[in-house]
C-alpha atoms as a PDB file:
ATOM      1  CA  MET A   1      -0.315  -0.072  -0.089  1.00  0.00           C
ATOM      2  CA  THR A   2       1.287   4.137  -0.692  1.00  0.00           C
ATOM      3  CA  LYS A   3       1.484   6.014   2.241  1.00  0.00           C
ATOM      4  CA  ILE A   4      -0.432   9.485   0.953  1.00  0.00           C
ATOM      5  CA  ALA A   5      -0.041  12.811   2.004  1.00  0.00           C
ATOM      6  CA  GLY A   6      -4.170  14.152   2.115  1.00  0.00           C
ATOM      7  CA  PRO A   7      -6.815  12.509   3.242  1.00  0.00           C
ATOM      8  CA  LEU A   8      -8.225   8.924   2.178  1.00  0.00           C
ATOM      9  CA  TYR A   9     -12.428   8.828   1.895  1.00  0.00           C
ATOM     10  CA  GLU A  10     -13.751   5.046   2.083  1.00  0.00           C
ATOM     11  CA  TYR A  11     -14.750   4.492  -1.202  1.00  0.00           C
ATOM     12  CA  ALA A  12     -16.814   1.338  -0.429  1.00  0.00           C
ATOM     13  CA  CYS A  13     -19.087   2.911   1.410  1.00  0.00           C
ATOM     14  CA  HIS A  14     -22.052   3.751  -0.893  1.00  0.00           C
ATOM     15  CA  GLU A  15     -24.143   5.964   0.742  1.00  0.00           C
ATOM     16  CA  GLY A  16     -21.444   7.657   0.985  1.00  0.00           C
ATOM     17  CA  ASN A  17     -20.857   7.898  -3.068  1.00  0.00           C
ATOM     18  CA  TYR A  18     -23.893   9.034  -3.336  1.00  0.00           C
ATOM     19  CA  ALA A  19     -23.278  11.869  -1.267  1.00  0.00           C
ATOM     20  CA  MET A  20     -19.802  12.798  -2.688  1.00  0.00           C
ATOM     21  CA  SER A  21     -21.068  14.663  -6.101  1.00  0.00           C
ATOM     22  CA  GLY A  22     -23.685  17.053  -3.478  1.00  0.00           C
ATOM     23  CA  ILE A  23     -20.717  17.921  -1.335  1.00  0.00           C
ATOM     24  CA  LEU A  24     -17.986  18.738  -4.068  1.00  0.00           C
ATOM     25  CA  SER A  25     -20.844  20.333  -6.118  1.00  0.00           C
ATOM     26  CA  GLY A  26     -21.534  22.064  -3.104  1.00  0.00           C
ATOM     27  CA  ALA A  27     -18.128  23.041  -2.550  1.00  0.00           C
ATOM     28  CA  ARG A  28     -17.825  24.268  -5.984  1.00  0.00           C
ATOM     29  CA  ALA A  29     -20.710  26.964  -6.146  1.00  0.00           C
ATOM     30  CA  GLU A  30     -19.201  28.273  -2.345  1.00  0.00           C
ATOM     31  CA  GLU A  31     -15.833  28.862  -4.255  1.00  0.00           C
ATOM     32  CA  LYS A  32     -17.567  30.475  -7.408  1.00  0.00           C
ATOM     33  CA  THR A  33     -19.688  32.710  -5.221  1.00  0.00           C
ATOM     34  CA  GLY A  34     -16.613  33.405  -2.709  1.00  0.00           C
ATOM     35  CA  ALA A  35     -18.920  32.289   0.345  1.00  0.00           C
ATOM     36  CA  GLY A  36     -17.159  30.284   3.574  1.00  0.00           C
ATOM     37  CA  LYS A  37     -13.511  31.151   2.618  1.00  0.00           C
ATOM     38  CA  ALA A  38     -12.696  27.547   2.022  1.00  0.00           C
ATOM     39  CA  GLN A  39      -9.403  27.269   3.366  1.00  0.00           C
ATOM     40  CA  VAL A  40      -7.342  23.934   1.339  1.00  0.00           C
ATOM     41  CA  PRO A  41      -5.161  21.398   3.961  1.00  0.00           C
ATOM     42  CA  GLN A  42      -1.851  22.463   2.911  1.00  0.00           C
ATOM     43  CA  PRO A  43      -0.177  18.583   2.379  1.00  0.00           C
ATOM     44  CA  ARG A  44       2.587  18.459   5.272  1.00  0.00           C
END
């Protein structure tokens, strides 16, 4: 297994898979409007 720097999301959870598109589209909408000023975690 390869170590990664960022968070790991479980792909086998189908509930999470269905929600992920909504979560990501909401985040993209916030980025477009500048709302929330989402902070992107920086790799260590």
